[in-house]
Every structure is written in C-alpha cells, then in structure tokens.
C-alpha cells in the first residue's frame, strides 16, 4: 500500500509535523501566538489535512 507512494522529503515531513503540533496545541487550548488568536481544532485539523495533501502533490510533481 505505502510502497507505491513516493517518500516525502525531510522538509515535507517538517511541514506536516508543524501542522500536527498545531492540532495538538489546539486540543490543549494553548495559545502561543503573540496576538492571542489561536486556531480552533477544526481550523488546525483542516490545515494539517491541507498540508499533507499539498506535500504529497508536491512530491508527485517532481
């Protein structure tokens, strides 16, 4: 199943990891931003999903 998918670069994995951390932060309702405008769980989960899709598309293009 996974062997047909290309491996992601380290930078792609870092982008995904950062988005994942935002999801975890939103679950704990912690706001690290200077403006105190934290993302909701739905917003951060949507960003994570979008990041994963974008990174997979980027890998397919190369």
PDB file of N, CA and C in Angstrom:
ATOM      1  N   UNK A   1       0.831  -1.199   0.000  1.00  0.00           N
ATOM      2  CA  UNK A   1       0.000   0.000   0.000  1.00  0.00           C
ATOM      3  C   UNK A   1       0.870   1.255   0.000  1.00  0.00           C
ATOM      4  N   UNK A   2       1.836   1.328   0.917  1.00  0.00           N
ATOM      5  CA  UNK A   2       2.666   2.518   1.009  1.00  0.00           C
ATOM      6  C   UNK A   2       3.835   2.502   0.037  1.00  0.00           C
ATOM      7  N   UNK A   3       4.207   1.346  -0.446  1.00  0.00           N
ATOM      8  CA  UNK A   3       5.365   1.274  -1.333  1.00  0.00           C
ATOM      9  C   UNK A   3       5.120   1.973  -2.661  1.00  0.00           C
ATOM     10  N   UNK A   4       3.868   2.092  -3.079  1.00  0.00           N
ATOM     11  CA  UNK A   4       3.558   2.763  -4.332  1.00  0.00           C
ATOM     12  C   UNK A   4       3.632   4.277  -4.198  1.00  0.00           C
ATOM     13  N   UNK A   5       3.621   4.774  -2.974  1.00  0.00           N
ATOM     14  CA  UNK A   5       3.676   6.209  -2.745  1.00  0.00           C
ATOM     15  C   UNK A   5       5.126   6.647  -2.588  1.00  0.00           C
ATOM     16  N   UNK A   6       5.477   7.786  -3.205  1.00  0.00           N
ATOM     17  CA  UNK A   6       6.856   8.256  -3.070  1.00  0.00           C
ATOM     18  C   UNK A   6       7.139   8.728  -1.646  1.00  0.00           C
ATOM     19  N   UNK A   7       8.395   8.594  -1.228  1.00  0.00           N
ATOM     20  CA  UNK A   7       8.790   9.076   0.092  1.00  0.00           C
ATOM     21  C   UNK A   7       8.782  10.594   0.102  1.00  0.00           C
ATOM     22  N   UNK A   8       8.401  11.157   1.232  1.00  0.00           N
ATOM     23  CA  UNK A   8       8.392  12.605   1.368  1.00  0.00           C
ATOM     24  C   UNK A   8       9.774  13.088   1.788  1.00  0.00           C
ATOM     25  N   UNK A   9      10.083  14.308   1.414  1.00  0.00           N
ATOM     26  CA  UNK A   9      11.367  14.893   1.794  1.00  0.00           C
ATOM     27  C   UNK A   9      11.351  15.269   3.275  1.00  0.00           C
ATOM     28  N   UNK A  10      12.510  15.574   3.786  1.00  0.00           N
ATOM     29  CA  UNK A  10      12.609  15.998   5.191  1.00  0.00           C
ATOM     30  C   UNK A  10      11.852  17.295   5.417  1.00  0.00           C
ATOM     31  N   UNK A  11      11.914  18.187   4.446  1.00  0.00           N
ATOM     32  CA  UNK A  11      11.202  19.456   4.568  1.00  0.00           C
ATOM     33  C   UNK A  11       9.692  19.228   4.577  1.00  0.00           C
ATOM     34  N   UNK A  12       9.211  18.327   3.733  1.00  0.00           N
ATOM     35  CA  UNK A  12       7.787  17.999   3.722  1.00  0.00           C
ATOM     36  C   UNK A  12       7.352  17.415   5.055  1.00  0.00           C
ATOM     37  N   UNK A  13       8.169  16.526   5.598  1.00  0.00           N
ATOM     38  CA  UNK A  13       7.850  15.945   6.903  1.00  0.00           C
ATOM     39  C   UNK A  13       7.840  17.007   7.991  1.00  0.00           C
ATOM     40  N   UNK A  14       8.727  17.979   7.890  1.00  0.00           N
ATOM     41  CA  UNK A  14       8.760  19.065   8.865  1.00  0.00           C
ATOM     42  C   UNK A  14       7.502  19.921   8.768  1.00  0.00           C
ATOM     43  N   UNK A  15       7.055  20.210   7.552  1.00  0.00           N
ATOM     44  CA  UNK A  15       5.809  20.963   7.373  1.00  0.00           C
ATOM     45  C   UNK A  15       4.635  20.221   8.006  1.00  0.00           C
ATOM     46  N   UNK A  16       4.563  18.931   7.757  1.00  0.00           N
ATOM     47  CA  UNK A  16       3.476  18.119   8.315  1.00  0.00           C
ATOM     48  C   UNK A  16       3.575  18.077   9.838  1.00  0.00           C
ATOM     49  N   UNK A  17       4.780  17.928  10.358  1.00  0.00           N
ATOM     50  CA  UNK A  17       4.971  17.877  11.812  1.00  0.00           C
ATOM     51  C   UNK A  17       4.545  19.185  12.473  1.00  0.00           C
ATOM     52  N   UNK A  18       4.861  20.308  11.851  1.00  0.00           N
ATOM     53  CA  UNK A  18       4.450  21.605  12.407  1.00  0.00           C
ATOM     54  C   UNK A  18       2.935  21.731  12.443  1.00  0.00           C
ATOM     55  N   UNK A  19       2.281  21.297  11.397  1.00  0.00           N
ATOM     56  CA  UNK A  19       0.819  21.329  11.375  1.00  0.00           C
ATOM     57  C   UNK A  19       0.236  20.398  12.429  1.00  0.00           C
ATOM     58  N   UNK A  20       0.876  19.263  12.619  1.00  0.00           N
ATOM     59  CA  UNK A  20       0.425  18.304  13.630  1.00  0.00           C
ATOM     60  C   UNK A  20       0.550  18.897  15.034  1.00  0.00           C
ATOM     61  N   UNK A  21       1.628  19.616  15.272  1.00  0.00           N
ATOM     62  CA  UNK A  21       1.808  20.267  16.575  1.00  0.00           C
ATOM     63  C   UNK A  21       0.697  21.287  16.812  1.00  0.00           C
ATOM     64  N   UNK A  22       0.301  22.015  15.775  1.00  0.00           N
ATOM     65  CA  UNK A  22      -0.808  22.963  15.920  1.00  0.00           C
ATOM     66  C   UNK A  22      -2.097  22.254  16.318  1.00  0.00           C
ATOM     67  N   UNK A  23      -2.328  21.069  15.775  1.00  0.00           N
ATOM     68  CA  UNK A  23      -3.512  20.292  16.153  1.00  0.00           C
ATOM     69  C   UNK A  23      -3.435  19.923  17.632  1.00  0.00           C
ATOM     70  N   UNK A  24      -2.284  19.453  18.075  1.00  0.00           N
ATOM     71  CA  UNK A  24      -2.123  19.084  19.484  1.00  0.00           C
ATOM     72  C   UNK A  24      -2.291  20.287  20.404  1.00  0.00           C
ATOM     73  N   UNK A  25      -1.755  21.420  19.990  1.00  0.00           N
ATOM     74  CA  UNK A  25      -1.886  22.643  20.788  1.00  0.00           C
ATOM     75  C   UNK A  25      -3.350  23.053  20.885  1.00  0.00           C
ATOM     76  N   UNK A  26      -4.071  22.949  19.781  1.00  0.00           N
ATOM     77  CA  UNK A  26      -5.486  23.337  19.811  1.00  0.00           C
ATOM     78  C   UNK A  26      -6.302  22.395  20.686  1.00  0.00           C
ATOM     79  N   UNK A  27      -5.911  21.131  20.751  1.00  0.00           N
ATOM     80  CA  UNK A  27      -6.599  20.197  21.645  1.00  0.00           C
ATOM     81  C   UNK A  27      -6.413  20.588  23.105  1.00  0.00           C
ATOM     82  N   UNK A  28      -5.257  21.125  23.424  1.00  0.00           N
ATOM     83  CA  UNK A  28      -4.969  21.556  24.794  1.00  0.00           C
ATOM     84  C   UNK A  28      -5.377  22.999  25.053  1.00  0.00           C
ATOM     85  N   UNK A  29      -5.881  23.655  24.011  1.00  0.00           N
ATOM     86  CA  UNK A  29      -6.326  25.047  24.098  1.00  0.00           C
ATOM     87  C   UNK A  29      -5.224  25.966  24.612  1.00  0.00           C
ATOM     88  N   UNK A  30      -4.024  25.755  24.106  1.00  0.00           N
ATOM     89  CA  UNK A  30      -2.880  26.595  24.451  1.00  0.00           C
ATOM     90  C   UNK A  30      -2.648  27.567  23.300  1.00  0.00           C
ATOM     91  N   UNK A  31      -2.434  28.829  23.628  1.00  0.00           N
ATOM     92  CA  UNK A  31      -2.219  29.847  22.606  1.00  0.00           C
ATOM     93  C   UNK A  31      -0.823  30.430  22.761  1.00  0.00           C
ATOM     94  N   UNK A  32       0.066  30.111  21.814  1.00  0.00           N
ATOM     95  CA  UNK A  32       1.433  30.615  21.854  1.00  0.00           C
ATOM     96  C   UNK A  32       1.624  31.845  20.969  1.00  0.00           C
ATOM     97  N   UNK A  33       0.581  32.280  20.290  1.00  0.00           N
ATOM     98  CA  UNK A  33       0.725  33.406  19.377  1.00  0.00           C
ATOM     99  C   UNK A  33       0.783  34.720  20.158  1.00  0.00           C
ATOM    100  N   UNK A  34       1.447  35.693  19.588  1.00  0.00           N
ATOM    101  CA  UNK A  34       1.559  36.998  20.242  1.00  0.00           C
ATOM    102  C   UNK A  34       0.215  37.711  20.280  1.00  0.00           C
ATOM    103  N   UNK A  35      -0.595  37.497  19.261  1.00  0.00           N
ATOM    104  CA  UNK A  35      -1.884  38.186  19.170  1.00  0.00           C
ATOM    105  C   UNK A  35      -2.985  37.486  19.959  1.00  0.00           C
ATOM    106  N   UNK A  36      -2.665  36.327  20.521  1.00  0.00           N
ATOM    107  CA  UNK A  36      -3.646  35.540  21.285  1.00  0.00           C
ATOM    108  C   UNK A  36      -4.875  35.200  20.432  1.00  0.00           C
ATOM    109  N   UNK A  37      -4.630  34.749  19.219  1.00  0.00           N
ATOM    110  CA  UNK A  37      -5.714  34.341  18.324  1.00  0.00           C
ATOM    111  C   UNK A  37      -5.464  32.912  17.849  1.00  0.00           C
ATOM    112  N   UNK A  38      -5.501  31.998  18.773  1.00  0.00           N
ATOM    113  CA  UNK A  38      -5.199  30.589  18.481  1.00  0.00           C
ATOM    114  C   UNK A  38      -6.208  30.003  17.498  1.00  0.00           C
ATOM    115  N   UNK A  39      -5.744  29.024  16.742  1.00  0.00           N
ATOM    116  CA  UNK A  39      -6.629  28.313  15.832  1.00  0.00           C
ATOM    117  C   UNK A  39      -7.527  27.367  16.618  1.00  0.00           C
ATOM    118  N   UNK A  40      -8.736  27.178  16.112  1.00  0.00           N
ATOM    119  CA  UNK A  40      -9.614  26.179  16.708  1.00  0.00           C
ATOM    120  C   UNK A  40      -9.138  24.801  16.262  1.00  0.00           C
ATOM    121  N   UNK A  41      -9.682  23.775  16.888  1.00  0.00           N
ATOM    122  CA  UNK A  41      -9.308  22.418  16.494  1.00  0.00           C
ATOM    123  C   UNK A  41      -9.667  22.174  15.036  1.00  0.00           C
ATOM    124  N   UNK A  42     -10.851  22.596  14.623  1.00  0.00           N
ATOM    125  CA  UNK A  42     -11.273  22.380  13.230  1.00  0.00           C
ATOM    126  C   UNK A  42     -10.349  23.092  12.248  1.00  0.00           C
ATOM    127  N   UNK A  43      -9.964  24.318  12.575  1.00  0.00           N
ATOM    128  CA  UNK A  43      -9.054  25.058  11.699  1.00  0.00           C
ATOM    129  C   UNK A  43      -7.692  24.372  11.602  1.00  0.00           C
ATOM    130  N   UNK A  44      -7.168  23.969  12.744  1.00  0.00           N
ATOM    131  CA  UNK A  44      -5.843  23.346  12.729  1.00  0.00           C
ATOM    132  C   UNK A  44      -5.874  21.974  12.063  1.00  0.00           C
ATOM    133  N   UNK A  45      -6.955  21.220  12.249  1.00  0.00           N
ATOM    134  CA  UNK A  45      -7.066  19.919  11.595  1.00  0.00           C
ATOM    135  C   UNK A  45      -7.186  20.091  10.084  1.00  0.00           C
ATOM    136  N   UNK A  46      -7.926  21.106   9.658  1.00  0.00           N
ATOM    137  CA  UNK A  46      -8.042  21.393   8.223  1.00  0.00           C
ATOM    138  C   UNK A  46      -6.677  21.783   7.651  1.00  0.00           C
ATOM    139  N   UNK A  47      -5.907  22.572   8.392  1.00  0.00           N
ATOM    140  CA  UNK A  47      -4.567  22.946   7.932  1.00  0.00           C
ATOM    141  C   UNK A  47      -3.667  21.724   7.830  1.00  0.00           C
ATOM    142  N   UNK A  48      -3.771  20.808   8.786  1.00  0.00           N
ATOM    143  CA  UNK A  48      -2.979  19.577   8.735  1.00  0.00           C
ATOM    144  C   UNK A  48      -3.347  18.761   7.502  1.00  0.00           C
ATOM    145  N   UNK A  49      -4.630  18.593   7.259  1.00  0.00           N
ATOM    146  CA  UNK A  49      -5.077  17.834   6.084  1.00  0.00           C
ATOM    147  C   UNK A  49      -4.592  18.480   4.795  1.00  0.00           C
ATOM    148  N   UNK A  50      -4.715  19.791   4.722  1.00  0.00           N
ATOM    149  CA  UNK A  50      -4.262  20.513   3.528  1.00  0.00           C
ATOM    150  C   UNK A  50      -2.756  20.385   3.340  1.00  0.00           C
ATOM    151  N   UNK A  51      -2.024  20.466   4.435  1.00  0.00           N
ATOM    152  CA  UNK A  51      -0.566  20.341   4.359  1.00  0.00           C
ATOM    153  C   UNK A  51      -0.166  18.974   3.834  1.00  0.00           C
ATOM    154  N   UNK A  52      -0.800  17.932   4.348  1.00  0.00           N
ATOM    155  CA  UNK A  52      -0.483  16.574   3.888  1.00  0.00           C
ATOM    156  C   UNK A  52      -0.778  16.433   2.400  1.00  0.00           C
ATOM    157  N   UNK A  53      -1.934  16.901   1.970  1.00  0.00           N
ATOM    158  CA  UNK A  53      -2.289  16.811   0.548  1.00  0.00           C
ATOM    159  C   UNK A  53      -1.318  17.606  -0.317  1.00  0.00           C
ATOM    160  N   UNK A  54      -0.986  18.818   0.115  1.00  0.00           N
ATOM    161  CA  UNK A  54      -0.067  19.653  -0.664  1.00  0.00           C
ATOM    162  C   UNK A  54       1.322  19.037  -0.760  1.00  0.00           C
ATOM    163  N   UNK A  55       1.803  18.477   0.324  1.00  0.00           N
ATOM    164  CA  UNK A  55       3.138  17.871   0.303  1.00  0.00           C
ATOM    165  C   UNK A  55       3.157  16.618  -0.572  1.00  0.00           C
ATOM    166  N   UNK A  56       2.086  15.862  -0.564  1.00  0.00           N
ATOM    167  CA  UNK A  56       2.020  14.679  -1.438  1.00  0.00           C
ATOM    168  C   UNK A  56       1.960  15.095  -2.900  1.00  0.00           C
ATOM    169  N   UNK A  57       1.198  16.168  -3.196  1.00  0.00           N
ATOM    170  CA  UNK A  57       1.123  16.667  -4.571  1.00  0.00           C
ATOM    171  C   UNK A  57       2.482  17.181  -5.022  1.00  0.00           C
ATOM    172  N   UNK A  58       3.157  17.899  -4.140  1.00  0.00           N
ATOM    173  CA  UNK A  58       4.468  18.458  -4.472  1.00  0.00           C
ATOM    174  C   UNK A  58       5.449  17.347  -4.823  1.00  0.00           C
ATOM    175  N   UNK A  59       5.383  16.249  -4.102  1.00  0.00           N
ATOM    176  CA  UNK A  59       6.288  15.124  -4.358  1.00  0.00           C
ATOM    177  C   UNK A  59       5.975  14.469  -5.702  1.00  0.00           C
ATOM    178  N   UNK A  60       4.690  14.391  -6.059  1.00  0.00           N
ATOM    179  CA  UNK A  60       4.307  13.769  -7.329  1.00  0.00           C
ATOM    180  C   UNK A  60       4.740  14.608  -8.520  1.00  0.00           C
ATOM    181  N   UNK A  61       4.763  15.922  -8.349  1.00  0.00           N
ATOM    182  CA  UNK A  61       5.123  16.820  -9.445  1.00  0.00           C
ATOM    183  C   UNK A  61       6.592  16.678  -9.801  1.00  0.00           C
ATOM    184  N   UNK A  62       7.450  16.501  -8.807  1.00  0.00           N
ATOM    185  CA  UNK A  62       8.901  16.444  -9.043  1.00  0.00           C
ATOM    186  C   UNK A  62       9.322  15.199  -9.745  1.00  0.00           C
TER     187      UNK A  62
END
